Amino acid sequence: QRKGYNREFGVALTITSATTGLLIPPS
C-alpha cells in the first residue's frame, strides 16, 4: 500500500497466495 498498490489487491493477493501452502508440502 505504501508503494502505491491498491489495498484490496494486496489483501486478495496475499490470501490467494497463502493457499499454495495447502499444496506445497508439508500440508
mmCIF file of all heavy atoms, coordinates in Angstrom:
data_MODEL
# 
_entry.id   MODEL 
# 
loop_
_atom_site.group_PDB 
_atom_site.id 
_atom_site.type_symbol 
_atom_site.label_atom_id 
_atom_site.label_alt_id 
_atom_site.label_comp_id 
_atom_site.label_asym_id 
_atom_site.label_entity_id 
_atom_site.label_seq_id 
_atom_site.pdbx_PDB_ins_code 
_atom_site.Cartn_x 
_atom_site.Cartn_y 
_atom_site.Cartn_z 
_atom_site.occupancy 
_atom_site.B_iso_or_equiv 
_atom_site.pdbx_formal_charge 
_atom_site.auth_seq_id 
_atom_site.auth_comp_id 
_atom_site.auth_asym_id 
_atom_site.auth_atom_id 
_atom_site.pdbx_PDB_model_num 
ATOM 1   N N   . GLN A 1 1  ? 0.824   -1.200  0.000  1.00 0.00 ? 1  GLN A N   1 
ATOM 2   C CA  . GLN A 1 1  ? 0.000   0.000   0.000  1.00 0.00 ? 1  GLN A CA  1 
ATOM 3   C C   . GLN A 1 1  ? 0.861   1.255   0.000  1.00 0.00 ? 1  GLN A C   1 
ATOM 4   O O   . GLN A 1 1  ? 0.547   2.248   -0.666 1.00 0.00 ? 1  GLN A O   1 
ATOM 5   C CB  . GLN A 1 1  ? -0.925  -0.008  1.214  1.00 0.00 ? 1  GLN A CB  1 
ATOM 6   C CG  . GLN A 1 1  ? -1.978  1.090   1.207  1.00 0.00 ? 1  GLN A CG  1 
ATOM 7   C CD  . GLN A 1 1  ? -2.924  0.983   2.386  1.00 0.00 ? 1  GLN A CD  1 
ATOM 8   O OE1 . GLN A 1 1  ? -2.678  0.238   3.330  1.00 0.00 ? 1  GLN A OE1 1 
ATOM 9   N NE2 . GLN A 1 1  ? -4.014  1.726   2.342  1.00 0.00 ? 1  GLN A NE2 1 
ATOM 10  N N   . ARG A 1 2  ? 1.985   1.215   0.721  1.00 0.00 ? 2  ARG A N   1 
ATOM 11  C CA  . ARG A 1 2  ? 2.881   2.370   0.788  1.00 0.00 ? 2  ARG A CA  1 
ATOM 12  C C   . ARG A 1 2  ? 3.517   2.666   -0.568 1.00 0.00 ? 2  ARG A C   1 
ATOM 13  O O   . ARG A 1 2  ? 3.810   3.830   -0.887 1.00 0.00 ? 2  ARG A O   1 
ATOM 14  C CB  . ARG A 1 2  ? 3.974   2.117   1.839  1.00 0.00 ? 2  ARG A CB  1 
ATOM 15  C CG  . ARG A 1 2  ? 4.846   3.327   2.142  1.00 0.00 ? 2  ARG A CG  1 
ATOM 16  C CD  . ARG A 1 2  ? 5.861   3.000   3.219  1.00 0.00 ? 2  ARG A CD  1 
ATOM 17  N NE  . ARG A 1 2  ? 6.827   2.022   2.753  1.00 0.00 ? 2  ARG A NE  1 
ATOM 18  C CZ  . ARG A 1 2  ? 7.908   2.332   2.040  1.00 0.00 ? 2  ARG A CZ  1 
ATOM 19  N NH1 . ARG A 1 2  ? 8.145   3.599   1.705  1.00 0.00 ? 2  ARG A NH1 1 
ATOM 20  N NH2 . ARG A 1 2  ? 8.752   1.398   1.672  1.00 0.00 ? 2  ARG A NH2 1 
ATOM 21  N N   . LYS A 1 3  ? 3.707   1.625   -1.365 1.00 0.00 ? 3  LYS A N   1 
ATOM 22  C CA  . LYS A 1 3  ? 4.335   1.806   -2.674 1.00 0.00 ? 3  LYS A CA  1 
ATOM 23  C C   . LYS A 1 3  ? 3.326   1.952   -3.806 1.00 0.00 ? 3  LYS A C   1 
ATOM 24  O O   . LYS A 1 3  ? 3.676   1.801   -4.975 1.00 0.00 ? 3  LYS A O   1 
ATOM 25  C CB  . LYS A 1 3  ? 5.279   0.638   -2.961 1.00 0.00 ? 3  LYS A CB  1 
ATOM 26  C CG  . LYS A 1 3  ? 6.488   0.628   -2.039 1.00 0.00 ? 3  LYS A CG  1 
ATOM 27  C CD  . LYS A 1 3  ? 7.563   -0.322  -2.525 1.00 0.00 ? 3  LYS A CD  1 
ATOM 28  C CE  . LYS A 1 3  ? 8.815   -0.221  -1.659 1.00 0.00 ? 3  LYS A CE  1 
ATOM 29  N NZ  . LYS A 1 3  ? 9.901   -1.101  -2.135 1.00 0.00 ? 3  LYS A NZ  1 
ATOM 30  N N   . GLY A 1 4  ? 2.073   2.228   -3.459 1.00 0.00 ? 4  GLY A N   1 
ATOM 31  C CA  . GLY A 1 4  ? 1.106   2.586   -4.472 1.00 0.00 ? 4  GLY A CA  1 
ATOM 32  C C   . GLY A 1 4  ? 0.186   1.481   -4.928 1.00 0.00 ? 4  GLY A C   1 
ATOM 33  O O   . GLY A 1 4  ? -0.656  1.698   -5.806 1.00 0.00 ? 4  GLY A O   1 
ATOM 34  N N   . TYR A 1 5  ? 0.315   0.290   -4.356 1.00 0.00 ? 5  TYR A N   1 
ATOM 35  C CA  . TYR A 1 5  ? -0.590  -0.799  -4.709 1.00 0.00 ? 5  TYR A CA  1 
ATOM 36  C C   . TYR A 1 5  ? -1.932  -0.597  -4.025 1.00 0.00 ? 5  TYR A C   1 
ATOM 37  O O   . TYR A 1 5  ? -1.997  -0.114  -2.890 1.00 0.00 ? 5  TYR A O   1 
ATOM 38  C CB  . TYR A 1 5  ? -0.015  -2.148  -4.298 1.00 0.00 ? 5  TYR A CB  1 
ATOM 39  C CG  . TYR A 1 5  ? 1.201   -2.590  -5.072 1.00 0.00 ? 5  TYR A CG  1 
ATOM 40  C CD1 . TYR A 1 5  ? 2.457   -2.074  -4.771 1.00 0.00 ? 5  TYR A CD1 1 
ATOM 41  C CD2 . TYR A 1 5  ? 1.105   -3.530  -6.088 1.00 0.00 ? 5  TYR A CD2 1 
ATOM 42  C CE1 . TYR A 1 5  ? 3.586   -2.480  -5.470 1.00 0.00 ? 5  TYR A CE1 1 
ATOM 43  C CE2 . TYR A 1 5  ? 2.223   -3.946  -6.791 1.00 0.00 ? 5  TYR A CE2 1 
ATOM 44  C CZ  . TYR A 1 5  ? 3.461   -3.415  -6.477 1.00 0.00 ? 5  TYR A CZ  1 
ATOM 45  O OH  . TYR A 1 5  ? 4.570   -3.816  -7.164 1.00 0.00 ? 5  TYR A OH  1 
ATOM 46  N N   . ASN A 1 6  ? -2.999  -1.006  -4.700 1.00 0.00 ? 6  ASN A N   1 
ATOM 47  C CA  . ASN A 1 6  ? -4.318  -0.942  -4.105 1.00 0.00 ? 6  ASN A CA  1 
ATOM 48  C C   . ASN A 1 6  ? -4.402  -1.912  -2.928 1.00 0.00 ? 6  ASN A C   1 
ATOM 49  O O   . ASN A 1 6  ? -3.943  -3.043  -3.025 1.00 0.00 ? 6  ASN A O   1 
ATOM 50  C CB  . ASN A 1 6  ? -5.378  -1.295  -5.168 1.00 0.00 ? 6  ASN A CB  1 
ATOM 51  C CG  . ASN A 1 6  ? -6.787  -1.201  -4.627 1.00 0.00 ? 6  ASN A CG  1 
ATOM 52  O OD1 . ASN A 1 6  ? -7.304  -2.150  -4.059 1.00 0.00 ? 6  ASN A OD1 1 
ATOM 53  N ND2 . ASN A 1 6  ? -7.409  -0.049  -4.810 1.00 0.00 ? 6  ASN A ND2 1 
ATOM 54  N N   . ARG A 1 7  ? -4.990  -1.459  -1.807 1.00 0.00 ? 7  ARG A N   1 
ATOM 55  C CA  . ARG A 1 7  ? -5.036  -2.297  -0.609 1.00 0.00 ? 7  ARG A CA  1 
ATOM 56  C C   . ARG A 1 7  ? -5.848  -3.568  -0.848 1.00 0.00 ? 7  ARG A C   1 
ATOM 57  O O   . ARG A 1 7  ? -5.460  -4.657  -0.407 1.00 0.00 ? 7  ARG A O   1 
ATOM 58  C CB  . ARG A 1 7  ? -5.620  -1.514  0.562  1.00 0.00 ? 7  ARG A CB  1 
ATOM 59  C CG  . ARG A 1 7  ? -5.705  -2.331  1.848  1.00 0.00 ? 7  ARG A CG  1 
ATOM 60  C CD  . ARG A 1 7  ? -6.158  -1.498  3.021  1.00 0.00 ? 7  ARG A CD  1 
ATOM 61  N NE  . ARG A 1 7  ? -6.289  -2.311  4.214  1.00 0.00 ? 7  ARG A NE  1 
ATOM 62  C CZ  . ARG A 1 7  ? -5.285  -2.669  5.009  1.00 0.00 ? 7  ARG A CZ  1 
ATOM 63  N NH1 . ARG A 1 7  ? -4.057  -2.278  4.724  1.00 0.00 ? 7  ARG A NH1 1 
ATOM 64  N NH2 . ARG A 1 7  ? -5.478  -3.409  6.078  1.00 0.00 ? 7  ARG A NH2 1 
ATOM 65  N N   . GLU A 1 8  ? -6.978  -3.434  -1.537 1.00 0.00 ? 8  GLU A N   1 
ATOM 66  C CA  . GLU A 1 8  ? -7.803  -4.612  -1.810 1.00 0.00 ? 8  GLU A CA  1 
ATOM 67  C C   . GLU A 1 8  ? -7.039  -5.631  -2.651 1.00 0.00 ? 8  GLU A C   1 
ATOM 68  O O   . GLU A 1 8  ? -7.154  -6.838  -2.450 1.00 0.00 ? 8  GLU A O   1 
ATOM 69  C CB  . GLU A 1 8  ? -9.101  -4.202  -2.521 1.00 0.00 ? 8  GLU A CB  1 
ATOM 70  C CG  . GLU A 1 8  ? -10.123 -3.507  -1.637 1.00 0.00 ? 8  GLU A CG  1 
ATOM 71  C CD  . GLU A 1 8  ? -9.742  -2.070  -1.309 1.00 0.00 ? 8  GLU A CD  1 
ATOM 72  O OE1 . GLU A 1 8  ? -8.835  -1.534  -1.995 1.00 0.00 ? 8  GLU A OE1 1 
ATOM 73  O OE2 . GLU A 1 8  ? -10.332 -1.490  -0.380 1.00 0.00 ? 8  GLU A OE2 1 
ATOM 74  N N   . PHE A 1 9  ? -6.251  -5.119  -3.590 1.00 0.00 ? 9  PHE A N   1 
ATOM 75  C CA  . PHE A 1 9  ? -5.442  -6.019  -4.423 1.00 0.00 ? 9  PHE A CA  1 
ATOM 76  C C   . PHE A 1 9  ? -4.409  -6.755  -3.574 1.00 0.00 ? 9  PHE A C   1 
ATOM 77  O O   . PHE A 1 9  ? -4.202  -7.962  -3.729 1.00 0.00 ? 9  PHE A O   1 
ATOM 78  C CB  . PHE A 1 9  ? -4.743  -5.203  -5.521 1.00 0.00 ? 9  PHE A CB  1 
ATOM 79  C CG  . PHE A 1 9  ? -3.734  -5.980  -6.298 1.00 0.00 ? 9  PHE A CG  1 
ATOM 80  C CD1 . PHE A 1 9  ? -4.122  -6.926  -7.251 1.00 0.00 ? 9  PHE A CD1 1 
ATOM 81  C CD2 . PHE A 1 9  ? -2.375  -5.779  -6.089 1.00 0.00 ? 9  PHE A CD2 1 
ATOM 82  C CE1 . PHE A 1 9  ? -3.187  -7.639  -7.966 1.00 0.00 ? 9  PHE A CE1 1 
ATOM 83  C CE2 . PHE A 1 9  ? -1.437  -6.493  -6.799 1.00 0.00 ? 9  PHE A CE2 1 
ATOM 84  C CZ  . PHE A 1 9  ? -1.840  -7.426  -7.750 1.00 0.00 ? 9  PHE A CZ  1 
ATOM 85  N N   . GLY A 1 10 ? -3.765  -6.040  -2.662 1.00 0.00 ? 10 GLY A N   1 
ATOM 86  C CA  . GLY A 1 10 ? -2.755  -6.652  -1.801 1.00 0.00 ? 10 GLY A CA  1 
ATOM 87  C C   . GLY A 1 10 ? -3.347  -7.711  -0.882 1.00 0.00 ? 10 GLY A C   1 
ATOM 88  O O   . GLY A 1 10 ? -2.766  -8.782  -0.706 1.00 0.00 ? 10 GLY A O   1 
ATOM 89  N N   . VAL A 1 11 ? -4.513  -7.401  -0.313 1.00 0.00 ? 11 VAL A N   1 
ATOM 90  C CA  . VAL A 1 11 ? -5.165  -8.364  0.585  1.00 0.00 ? 11 VAL A CA  1 
ATOM 91  C C   . VAL A 1 11 ? -5.596  -9.606  -0.191 1.00 0.00 ? 11 VAL A C   1 
ATOM 92  O O   . VAL A 1 11 ? -5.358  -10.750 0.245  1.00 0.00 ? 11 VAL A O   1 
ATOM 93  C CB  . VAL A 1 11 ? -6.379  -7.714  1.279  1.00 0.00 ? 11 VAL A CB  1 
ATOM 94  C CG1 . VAL A 1 11 ? -7.172  -8.759  2.061  1.00 0.00 ? 11 VAL A CG1 1 
ATOM 95  C CG2 . VAL A 1 11 ? -5.920  -6.603  2.211  1.00 0.00 ? 11 VAL A CG2 1 
ATOM 96  N N   . ALA A 1 12 ? -6.237  -9.408  -1.342 1.00 0.00 ? 12 ALA A N   1 
ATOM 97  C CA  . ALA A 1 12 ? -6.700  -10.545 -2.143 1.00 0.00 ? 12 ALA A CA  1 
ATOM 98  C C   . ALA A 1 12 ? -5.528  -11.398 -2.616 1.00 0.00 ? 12 ALA A C   1 
ATOM 99  O O   . ALA A 1 12 ? -5.606  -12.640 -2.600 1.00 0.00 ? 12 ALA A O   1 
ATOM 100 C CB  . ALA A 1 12 ? -7.504  -10.040 -3.337 1.00 0.00 ? 12 ALA A CB  1 
ATOM 101 N N   . LEU A 1 13 ? -4.443  -10.756 -3.014 1.00 0.00 ? 13 LEU A N   1 
ATOM 102 C CA  . LEU A 1 13 ? -3.278  -11.499 -3.494 1.00 0.00 ? 13 LEU A CA  1 
ATOM 103 C C   . LEU A 1 13 ? -2.647  -12.308 -2.368 1.00 0.00 ? 13 LEU A C   1 
ATOM 104 O O   . LEU A 1 13 ? -2.246  -13.470 -2.566 1.00 0.00 ? 13 LEU A O   1 
ATOM 105 C CB  . LEU A 1 13 ? -2.250  -10.532 -4.088 1.00 0.00 ? 13 LEU A CB  1 
ATOM 106 C CG  . LEU A 1 13 ? -1.001  -11.163 -4.693 1.00 0.00 ? 13 LEU A CG  1 
ATOM 107 C CD1 . LEU A 1 13 ? -1.368  -12.064 -5.862 1.00 0.00 ? 13 LEU A CD1 1 
ATOM 108 C CD2 . LEU A 1 13 ? -0.010  -10.088 -5.141 1.00 0.00 ? 13 LEU A CD2 1 
ATOM 109 N N   . THR A 1 14 ? -2.558  -11.736 -1.169 1.00 0.00 ? 14 THR A N   1 
ATOM 110 C CA  . THR A 1 14 ? -1.964  -12.438 -0.035 1.00 0.00 ? 14 THR A CA  1 
ATOM 111 C C   . THR A 1 14 ? -2.798  -13.655 0.360  1.00 0.00 ? 14 THR A C   1 
ATOM 112 O O   . THR A 1 14 ? -2.263  -14.746 0.589  1.00 0.00 ? 14 THR A O   1 
ATOM 113 C CB  . THR A 1 14 ? -1.836  -11.497 1.173  1.00 0.00 ? 14 THR A CB  1 
ATOM 114 O OG1 . THR A 1 14 ? -1.075  -10.343 0.794  1.00 0.00 ? 14 THR A OG1 1 
ATOM 115 C CG2 . THR A 1 14 ? -1.143  -12.191 2.328  1.00 0.00 ? 14 THR A CG2 1 
ATOM 116 N N   . ILE A 1 15 ? -4.108  -13.473 0.436  1.00 0.00 ? 15 ILE A N   1 
ATOM 117 C CA  . ILE A 1 15 ? -4.984  -14.584 0.821  1.00 0.00 ? 15 ILE A CA  1 
ATOM 118 C C   . ILE A 1 15 ? -4.917  -15.710 -0.207 1.00 0.00 ? 15 ILE A C   1 
ATOM 119 O O   . ILE A 1 15 ? -4.840  -16.892 0.140  1.00 0.00 ? 15 ILE A O   1 
ATOM 120 C CB  . ILE A 1 15 ? -6.434  -14.080 0.978  1.00 0.00 ? 15 ILE A CB  1 
ATOM 121 C CG1 . ILE A 1 15 ? -6.526  -13.102 2.154  1.00 0.00 ? 15 ILE A CG1 1 
ATOM 122 C CG2 . ILE A 1 15 ? -7.391  -15.249 1.186  1.00 0.00 ? 15 ILE A CG2 1 
ATOM 123 C CD1 . ILE A 1 15 ? -7.877  -12.437 2.291  1.00 0.00 ? 15 ILE A CD1 1 
ATOM 124 N N   . THR A 1 16 ? -4.929  -15.336 -1.487 1.00 0.00 ? 16 THR A N   1 
ATOM 125 C CA  . THR A 1 16 ? -4.876  -16.350 -2.539 1.00 0.00 ? 16 THR A CA  1 
ATOM 126 C C   . THR A 1 16 ? -3.530  -17.050 -2.564 1.00 0.00 ? 16 THR A C   1 
ATOM 127 O O   . THR A 1 16 ? -3.452  -18.277 -2.715 1.00 0.00 ? 16 THR A O   1 
ATOM 128 C CB  . THR A 1 16 ? -5.159  -15.710 -3.906 1.00 0.00 ? 16 THR A CB  1 
ATOM 129 O OG1 . THR A 1 16 ? -6.369  -14.952 -3.841 1.00 0.00 ? 16 THR A OG1 1 
ATOM 130 C CG2 . THR A 1 16 ? -5.299  -16.771 -4.985 1.00 0.00 ? 16 THR A CG2 1 
ATOM 131 N N   . SER A 1 17 ? -2.459  -16.282 -2.394 1.00 0.00 ? 17 SER A N   1 
ATOM 132 C CA  . SER A 1 17 ? -1.115  -16.872 -2.429 1.00 0.00 ? 17 SER A CA  1 
ATOM 133 C C   . SER A 1 17 ? -0.884  -17.816 -1.261 1.00 0.00 ? 17 SER A C   1 
ATOM 134 O O   . SER A 1 17 ? -0.156  -18.803 -1.391 1.00 0.00 ? 17 SER A O   1 
ATOM 135 C CB  . SER A 1 17 ? -0.062  -15.756 -2.408 1.00 0.00 ? 17 SER A CB  1 
ATOM 136 O OG  . SER A 1 17 ? -0.226  -14.869 -3.487 1.00 0.00 ? 17 SER A OG  1 
ATOM 137 N N   . ALA A 1 18 ? -1.483  -17.517 -0.122 1.00 0.00 ? 18 ALA A N   1 
ATOM 138 C CA  . ALA A 1 18 ? -1.285  -18.359 1.059  1.00 0.00 ? 18 ALA A CA  1 
ATOM 139 C C   . ALA A 1 18 ? -1.830  -19.762 0.859  1.00 0.00 ? 18 ALA A C   1 
ATOM 140 O O   . ALA A 1 18 ? -1.372  -20.710 1.505  1.00 0.00 ? 18 ALA A O   1 
ATOM 141 C CB  . ALA A 1 18 ? -1.942  -17.714 2.278  1.00 0.00 ? 18 ALA A CB  1 
ATOM 142 N N   . THR A 1 19 ? -2.795  -19.923 -0.056 1.00 0.00 ? 19 THR A N   1 
ATOM 143 C CA  . THR A 1 19 ? -3.364  -21.252 -0.285 1.00 0.00 ? 19 THR A CA  1 
ATOM 144 C C   . THR A 1 19 ? -2.364  -22.190 -0.950 1.00 0.00 ? 19 THR A C   1 
ATOM 145 O O   . THR A 1 19 ? -2.604  -23.406 -0.979 1.00 0.00 ? 19 THR A O   1 
ATOM 146 C CB  . THR A 1 19 ? -4.630  -21.164 -1.144 1.00 0.00 ? 19 THR A CB  1 
ATOM 147 O OG1 . THR A 1 19 ? -4.316  -20.554 -2.414 1.00 0.00 ? 19 THR A OG1 1 
ATOM 148 C CG2 . THR A 1 19 ? -5.691  -20.329 -0.453 1.00 0.00 ? 19 THR A CG2 1 
ATOM 149 N N   . THR A 1 20 ? -1.274  -21.664 -1.488 1.00 0.00 ? 20 THR A N   1 
ATOM 150 C CA  . THR A 1 20 ? -0.244  -22.550 -2.051 1.00 0.00 ? 20 THR A CA  1 
ATOM 151 C C   . THR A 1 20 ? 0.362   -23.421 -0.957 1.00 0.00 ? 20 THR A C   1 
ATOM 152 O O   . THR A 1 20 ? 0.887   -24.496 -1.247 1.00 0.00 ? 20 THR A O   1 
ATOM 153 C CB  . THR A 1 20 ? 0.858   -21.740 -2.736 1.00 0.00 ? 20 THR A CB  1 
ATOM 154 O OG1 . THR A 1 20 ? 1.439   -20.813 -1.799 1.00 0.00 ? 20 THR A OG1 1 
ATOM 155 C CG2 . THR A 1 20 ? 0.313   -20.961 -3.923 1.00 0.00 ? 20 THR A CG2 1 
ATOM 156 N N   . GLY A 1 21 ? 0.283   -22.953 0.303  1.00 0.00 ? 21 GLY A N   1 
ATOM 157 C CA  . GLY A 1 21 ? 0.778   -23.760 1.413  1.00 0.00 ? 21 GLY A CA  1 
ATOM 158 C C   . GLY A 1 21 ? -0.037  -25.013 1.644  1.00 0.00 ? 21 GLY A C   1 
ATOM 159 O O   . GLY A 1 21 ? 0.421   -25.933 2.335  1.00 0.00 ? 21 GLY A O   1 
ATOM 160 N N   . LEU A 1 22 ? -1.254  -25.064 1.081  1.00 0.00 ? 22 LEU A N   1 
ATOM 161 C CA  . LEU A 1 22 ? -2.076  -26.264 1.190  1.00 0.00 ? 22 LEU A CA  1 
ATOM 162 C C   . LEU A 1 22 ? -1.655  -27.323 0.181  1.00 0.00 ? 22 LEU A C   1 
ATOM 163 O O   . LEU A 1 22 ? -2.017  -28.495 0.322  1.00 0.00 ? 22 LEU A O   1 
ATOM 164 C CB  . LEU A 1 22 ? -3.551  -25.912 0.978  1.00 0.00 ? 22 LEU A CB  1 
ATOM 165 C CG  . LEU A 1 22 ? -4.134  -24.850 1.914  1.00 0.00 ? 22 LEU A CG  1 
ATOM 166 C CD1 . LEU A 1 22 ? -5.578  -24.585 1.569  1.00 0.00 ? 22 LEU A CD1 1 
ATOM 167 C CD2 . LEU A 1 22 ? -3.987  -25.265 3.367  1.00 0.00 ? 22 LEU A CD2 1 
ATOM 168 N N   . LEU A 1 23 ? -0.913  -26.915 -0.845 1.00 0.00 ? 23 LEU A N   1 
ATOM 169 C CA  . LEU A 1 23 ? -0.455  -27.842 -1.872 1.00 0.00 ? 23 LEU A CA  1 
ATOM 170 C C   . LEU A 1 23 ? 1.007   -28.223 -1.685 1.00 0.00 ? 23 LEU A C   1 
ATOM 171 O O   . LEU A 1 23 ? 1.365   -29.396 -1.742 1.00 0.00 ? 23 LEU A O   1 
ATOM 172 C CB  . LEU A 1 23 ? -0.649  -27.219 -3.268 1.00 0.00 ? 23 LEU A CB  1 
ATOM 173 C CG  . LEU A 1 23 ? -2.097  -27.033 -3.738 1.00 0.00 ? 23 LEU A CG  1 
ATOM 174 C CD1 . LEU A 1 23 ? -2.122  -26.248 -5.042 1.00 0.00 ? 23 LEU A CD1 1 
ATOM 175 C CD2 . LEU A 1 23 ? -2.768  -28.373 -3.925 1.00 0.00 ? 23 LEU A CD2 1 
ATOM 176 N N   . ILE A 1 24 ? 1.847   -27.197 -1.476 1.00 0.00 ? 24 ILE A N   1 
ATOM 177 C CA  . ILE A 1 24 ? 3.278   -27.454 -1.329 1.00 0.00 ? 24 ILE A CA  1 
ATOM 178 C C   . ILE A 1 24 ? 3.535   -28.093 0.034  1.00 0.00 ? 24 ILE A C   1 
ATOM 179 O O   . ILE A 1 24 ? 3.128   -27.560 1.058  1.00 0.00 ? 24 ILE A O   1 
ATOM 180 C CB  . ILE A 1 24 ? 4.076   -26.146 -1.461 1.00 0.00 ? 24 ILE A CB  1 
ATOM 181 C CG1 . ILE A 1 24 ? 3.797   -25.500 -2.820 1.00 0.00 ? 24 ILE A CG1 1 
ATOM 182 C CG2 . ILE A 1 24 ? 5.563   -26.397 -1.297 1.00 0.00 ? 24 ILE A CG2 1 
ATOM 183 C CD1 . ILE A 1 24 ? 4.449   -24.149 -2.993 1.00 0.00 ? 24 ILE A CD1 1 
ATOM 184 N N   . PRO A 1 25 ? 4.168   -29.250 0.069  1.00 0.00 ? 25 PRO A N   1 
ATOM 185 C CA  . PRO A 1 25 ? 4.395   -29.927 1.357  1.00 0.00 ? 25 PRO A CA  1 
ATOM 186 C C   . PRO A 1 25 ? 5.388   -29.164 2.221  1.00 0.00 ? 25 PRO A C   1 
ATOM 187 O O   . PRO A 1 25 ? 6.251   -28.467 1.688  1.00 0.00 ? 25 PRO A O   1 
ATOM 188 C CB  . PRO A 1 25 ? 4.943   -31.289 0.930  1.00 0.00 ? 25 PRO A CB  1 
ATOM 189 C CG  . PRO A 1 25 ? 5.535   -31.066 -0.419 1.00 0.00 ? 25 PRO A CG  1 
ATOM 190 C CD  . PRO A 1 25 ? 4.690   -30.007 -1.067 1.00 0.00 ? 25 PRO A CD  1 
ATOM 191 N N   . PRO A 1 26 ? 5.265   -29.305 3.557  1.00 0.00 ? 26 PRO A N   1 
ATOM 192 C CA  . PRO A 1 26 ? 4.255   -30.097 4.264  1.00 0.00 ? 26 PRO A CA  1 
ATOM 193 C C   . PRO A 1 26 ? 2.911   -29.381 4.301  1.00 0.00 ? 26 PRO A C   1 
ATOM 194 O O   . PRO A 1 26 ? 2.869   -28.162 4.397  1.00 0.00 ? 26 PRO A O   1 
ATOM 195 C CB  . PRO A 1 26 ? 4.848   -30.231 5.670  1.00 0.00 ? 26 PRO A CB  1 
ATOM 196 C CG  . PRO A 1 26 ? 5.642   -28.980 5.842  1.00 0.00 ? 26 PRO A CG  1 
ATOM 197 C CD  . PRO A 1 26 ? 6.226   -28.674 4.486  1.00 0.00 ? 26 PRO A CD  1 
ATOM 198 N N   . SER A 1 27 ? 1.822   -30.124 4.222  1.00 0.00 ? 27 SER A N   1 
ATOM 199 C CA  . SER A 1 27 ? 0.487   -29.543 4.198  1.00 0.00 ? 27 SER A CA  1 
ATOM 200 C C   . SER A 1 27 ? -0.378  -30.212 5.258  1.00 0.00 ? 27 SER A C   1 
ATOM 201 O O   . SER A 1 27 ? -0.495  -31.440 5.283  1.00 0.00 ? 27 SER A O   1 
ATOM 202 C CB  . SER A 1 27 ? -0.136  -29.738 2.814  1.00 0.00 ? 27 SER A CB  1 
ATOM 203 O OG  . SER A 1 27 ? -1.505  -29.391 2.837  1.00 0.00 ? 27 SER A OG  1 
# 
